[in-house]
Amino acid sequence: MSQVTKERNETEENAQGWRAIVADWSTDREVFRHTHWGKAMMWIFLLSDTFIFSSFLISYMTMRASATMAWPDTAEVFALTIGGQSIPLILIAIMTFVLISSSGTMALAVNYGYRRNRKVTAALMFATALLGAAFVGMQAFEWTKLIEEGVRPWSNPMGAPQFGASFFMITGFHGLHVTCGVIMLLIVATLVLRGHYDRAGDYSAVEIAGLYWHFVDLVWVFIFAFFYLW
């Protein structure tokens, strides 16, 4: 067999291999035998997001440990005056309770989704989205309060200027994730309510949305511990 013939055969084999891959993905076949492709892609996305949040939190701890000016006391900075009494971290505690509660409603939504209970699944997902929206609303109030007190990403009248930069970056990035999660939940819940997944015979989209939402809640636990309690 000549060299030209060998090269032609190898080219044809490579072309057939690529055509098989394209045909597999274009027909929406599952790449892994026992794992839905959407779930696998979500896990990969969450893993990459874990690295980003880890980098933010490690940078925050390094920045705080090396700050030359006094770091603001978060118990005082995030205190609210209710009935004439200053209560430290009360808003943060409520936000944490709301977000953790939303994990419970999301877990129930996944459970009822696999039971093919369309109405209950949609109702629980709408409830989860409502709790997420409430969290974002409280976070907006928190931002407004600090901005009115003079905190900026480049300055801070209460101490170390790095406080403003780290606060707005970390909580803002997490708040963006929660907002995107609320939008995703509303879309999936609407499709559930309309019977889209009943006709498709696949409720995996509910579980995929749940994976994302539980991740967002877990990240907040670390932000709460490292940023607000330290």
Protein backbone atom coordinates (compact mmCIF):
# COMPACT_ATOMS: atom_id res chain seq x y z
CA MET A 1 0.00 0.00 0.00
CA SER A 2 1.42 3.37 -1.00
CA GLN A 3 1.98 6.25 1.40
CA VAL A 4 -0.70 8.31 -0.35
CA THR A 5 -3.25 5.52 0.15
CA LYS A 6 -2.37 5.20 3.85
CA GLU A 7 -2.76 8.92 4.39
CA ARG A 8 -6.07 8.88 2.54
CA ASN A 9 -7.38 6.03 4.73
CA GLU A 10 -6.28 7.81 7.93
CA THR A 11 -7.98 11.01 6.81
CA GLU A 12 -11.19 9.13 6.08
CA GLU A 13 -11.10 7.39 9.49
CA ASN A 14 -10.60 10.73 11.27
CA ALA A 15 -13.46 12.25 9.30
CA GLN A 16 -15.75 9.37 10.24
CA GLY A 17 -14.80 9.77 13.90
CA TRP A 18 -15.63 13.48 13.91
CA ARG A 19 -18.90 12.84 12.05
CA ALA A 20 -19.86 10.32 14.73
CA ILE A 21 -19.17 12.86 17.49
CA VAL A 22 -21.17 15.57 15.74
CA ALA A 23 -24.05 13.16 15.12
CA ASP A 24 -24.03 12.09 18.77
CA TRP A 25 -24.20 15.65 20.14
CA SER A 26 -26.65 16.92 17.53
CA THR A 27 -29.13 14.16 18.37
CA ASP A 28 -28.84 15.10 22.08
CA ARG A 29 -27.65 11.67 23.15
CA GLU A 30 -26.24 11.25 26.61
CA VAL A 31 -22.47 11.07 26.63
CA PHE A 32 -22.36 9.17 29.91
CA ARG A 33 -24.36 6.02 30.29
CA HIS A 34 -25.79 6.64 33.75
CA THR A 35 -25.53 10.45 34.00
CA HIS A 36 -27.67 13.01 32.21
CA TRP A 37 -25.49 15.27 30.06
CA GLY A 38 -27.09 18.41 31.49
CA LYS A 39 -26.33 17.28 35.02
CA ALA A 40 -22.72 16.53 34.09
CA MET A 41 -22.32 19.97 32.52
CA MET A 42 -23.80 21.62 35.61
CA TRP A 43 -21.32 19.80 37.85
CA ILE A 44 -18.45 21.00 35.65
CA PHE A 45 -19.76 24.58 35.81
CA LEU A 46 -20.15 24.41 39.60
CA LEU A 47 -16.63 23.06 39.96
CA SER A 48 -15.23 26.00 37.99
CA ASP A 49 -17.37 28.40 40.04
CA THR A 50 -16.01 26.84 43.23
CA PHE A 51 -12.51 27.85 42.17
CA ILE A 52 -13.66 31.43 41.56
CA PHE A 53 -15.38 31.81 44.93
CA SER A 54 -12.46 30.11 46.67
CA SER A 55 -10.08 32.61 45.06
CA PHE A 56 -12.25 35.51 46.24
CA LEU A 57 -12.43 34.25 49.83
CA ILE A 58 -8.71 33.42 50.01
CA SER A 59 -7.89 36.86 48.60
CA TYR A 60 -10.22 38.42 51.16
CA MET A 61 -8.55 36.62 54.07
CA THR A 62 -5.09 37.57 52.79
CA MET A 63 -6.16 41.20 52.30
CA ARG A 64 -7.68 41.40 55.77
CA ALA A 65 -4.68 39.80 57.46
CA SER A 66 -2.27 42.21 55.74
CA ALA A 67 -4.35 45.40 56.13
CA THR A 68 -2.41 48.20 57.83
CA MET A 69 -5.56 50.00 59.02
CA ALA A 70 -8.10 48.64 61.48
CA TRP A 71 -10.72 46.37 59.88
CA PRO A 72 -14.32 47.47 60.64
CA ASP A 73 -16.21 45.45 63.22
CA THR A 74 -18.82 43.65 61.10
CA ALA A 75 -21.11 43.22 64.10
CA GLU A 76 -21.39 47.00 64.27
CA VAL A 77 -21.29 47.73 60.54
CA PHE A 78 -24.16 45.35 59.77
CA ALA A 79 -26.24 46.15 62.85
CA LEU A 80 -29.79 47.47 62.56
CA THR A 81 -31.57 49.70 65.05
CA ILE A 82 -34.95 48.22 65.95
CA GLY A 83 -37.05 49.72 68.75
CA GLY A 84 -34.17 51.92 69.81
CA GLN A 85 -31.86 48.91 70.21
CA SER A 86 -28.90 48.18 67.94
CA ILE A 87 -29.04 44.50 67.00
CA PRO A 88 -25.84 43.16 65.38
CA LEU A 89 -26.08 41.11 62.19
CA ILE A 90 -29.88 40.80 62.45
CA LEU A 91 -30.41 41.44 58.73
CA ILE A 92 -27.64 38.98 57.79
CA ALA A 93 -29.20 36.35 60.05
CA ILE A 94 -32.59 36.82 58.37
CA MET A 95 -30.98 36.64 54.91
CA THR A 96 -29.22 33.41 55.87
CA PHE A 97 -32.43 31.90 57.24
CA VAL A 98 -34.31 32.82 54.06
CA LEU A 99 -31.67 31.32 51.78
CA ILE A 100 -31.32 28.11 53.83
CA SER A 101 -35.13 27.76 53.86
CA SER A 102 -35.12 28.07 50.07
CA SER A 103 -32.84 25.02 49.92
CA GLY A 104 -35.54 23.08 51.72
CA THR A 105 -38.27 24.09 49.28
CA MET A 106 -35.96 23.33 46.36
CA ALA A 107 -35.20 19.85 47.71
CA LEU A 108 -38.93 19.20 48.03
CA ALA A 109 -39.47 20.46 44.47
CA VAL A 110 -36.95 17.93 43.15
CA ASN A 111 -38.62 15.18 45.17
CA TYR A 112 -42.09 15.97 43.82
CA GLY A 113 -40.65 16.44 40.33
CA TYR A 114 -39.53 12.83 40.20
CA ARG A 115 -42.98 11.86 41.45
CA ARG A 116 -44.36 13.68 38.38
CA ASN A 117 -46.47 15.93 40.61
CA ARG A 118 -46.55 18.92 38.31
CA LYS A 119 -48.51 21.43 40.37
CA VAL A 120 -46.70 20.86 43.68
CA THR A 121 -43.31 20.93 41.95
CA ALA A 122 -44.07 24.23 40.24
CA ALA A 123 -45.48 25.74 43.45
CA LEU A 124 -42.35 24.78 45.42
CA MET A 125 -40.09 26.18 42.72
CA PHE A 126 -42.02 29.45 42.66
CA ALA A 127 -41.71 29.58 46.46
CA THR A 128 -37.96 29.01 46.15
CA ALA A 129 -37.71 31.81 43.59
CA LEU A 130 -39.70 34.10 45.89
CA LEU A 131 -37.33 33.41 48.79
CA GLY A 132 -34.36 34.03 46.49
CA ALA A 133 -35.86 37.33 45.35
CA ALA A 134 -36.41 38.31 48.99
CA PHE A 135 -32.74 37.57 49.69
CA VAL A 136 -31.64 39.79 46.78
CA GLY A 137 -33.98 42.53 47.99
CA MET A 138 -32.47 42.44 51.48
CA GLN A 139 -28.99 42.47 49.98
CA ALA A 140 -29.92 45.58 47.97
CA PHE A 141 -31.08 47.21 51.22
CA GLU A 142 -27.76 46.28 52.82
CA TRP A 143 -25.81 47.80 49.93
CA THR A 144 -27.90 50.99 50.03
CA LYS A 145 -27.30 51.38 53.77
CA LEU A 146 -23.52 51.06 53.43
CA ILE A 147 -23.37 53.38 50.42
CA GLU A 148 -25.32 56.00 52.39
CA GLU A 149 -22.75 55.61 55.18
CA GLY A 150 -19.95 56.41 52.73
CA VAL A 151 -18.58 52.94 51.94
CA ARG A 152 -17.21 52.67 48.40
CA PRO A 153 -15.12 50.05 46.57
CA TRP A 154 -12.15 52.45 46.83
CA SER A 155 -12.76 53.98 50.26
CA ASN A 156 -14.25 53.31 53.67
CA PRO A 157 -14.82 55.91 56.40
CA MET A 158 -14.99 53.18 59.06
CA GLY A 159 -11.47 51.79 58.63
CA ALA A 160 -9.50 49.80 56.07
CA PRO A 161 -10.39 50.91 52.51
CA GLN A 162 -10.08 47.30 51.31
CA PHE A 163 -13.28 46.51 53.19
CA GLY A 164 -15.49 48.19 50.58
CA ALA A 165 -13.78 46.52 47.64
CA SER A 166 -14.01 43.03 49.13
CA PHE A 167 -17.57 43.53 50.35
CA PHE A 168 -19.01 44.74 47.05
CA MET A 169 -17.06 42.21 44.99
CA ILE A 170 -17.86 39.09 47.03
CA THR A 171 -21.47 39.82 47.94
CA GLY A 172 -22.17 41.33 44.52
CA PHE A 173 -20.84 38.28 42.68
CA HIS A 174 -22.90 36.00 44.91
CA GLY A 175 -25.97 38.21 44.51
CA LEU A 176 -25.57 37.94 40.73
CA HIS A 177 -25.62 34.16 41.07
CA VAL A 178 -28.78 34.29 43.18
CA THR A 179 -30.46 36.59 40.66
CA CYS A 180 -29.58 34.25 37.78
CA GLY A 181 -30.86 31.35 39.87
CA VAL A 182 -34.19 33.09 40.47
CA ILE A 183 -34.61 33.66 36.73
CA MET A 184 -33.75 30.02 36.00
CA LEU A 185 -36.19 28.77 38.64
CA LEU A 186 -39.00 30.91 37.22
CA ILE A 187 -38.37 29.60 33.71
CA VAL A 188 -38.19 25.94 34.76
CA ALA A 189 -41.20 26.28 37.08
CA THR A 190 -43.24 27.78 34.24
CA LEU A 191 -42.31 24.89 31.96
CA VAL A 192 -43.23 22.44 34.71
CA LEU A 193 -46.60 24.09 35.19
CA ARG A 194 -47.32 23.98 31.46
CA GLY A 195 -46.60 20.26 31.37
CA HIS A 196 -43.51 20.50 29.19
CA TYR A 197 -41.56 17.93 31.19
CA ASP A 198 -44.56 15.63 31.45
CA ARG A 199 -44.69 15.46 27.67
CA ALA A 200 -40.92 14.98 27.46
CA GLY A 201 -41.02 12.37 30.22
CA ASP A 202 -37.94 13.90 31.86
CA TYR A 203 -37.85 16.07 34.99
CA SER A 204 -34.04 16.24 35.16
CA ALA A 205 -34.17 20.01 34.52
CA VAL A 206 -35.68 20.43 37.99
CA GLU A 207 -32.80 18.52 39.57
CA ILE A 208 -30.24 20.49 37.55
CA ALA A 209 -31.80 23.75 38.76
CA GLY A 210 -31.69 22.31 42.27
CA LEU A 211 -27.96 21.56 41.99
CA TYR A 212 -27.28 25.17 41.07
CA TRP A 213 -29.48 26.52 43.85
CA HIS A 214 -27.95 24.32 46.56
CA PHE A 215 -24.50 25.44 45.41
CA VAL A 216 -25.49 29.11 45.74
CA ASP A 217 -26.79 28.43 49.25
CA LEU A 218 -23.63 26.56 50.25
CA VAL A 219 -21.41 29.39 49.02
CA TRP A 220 -23.40 31.84 51.14
CA VAL A 221 -22.64 29.76 54.25
CA PHE A 222 -18.91 30.26 53.62
CA ILE A 223 -19.36 33.97 52.88
CA PHE A 224 -21.40 34.33 56.07
CA ALA A 225 -18.72 32.56 58.14
CA PHE A 226 -15.62 34.25 56.69
CA PHE A 227 -16.95 37.73 55.96
CA TYR A 228 -19.59 38.46 58.59
CA LEU A 229 -18.57 36.32 61.60
CA TRP A 230 -14.79 36.74 61.41
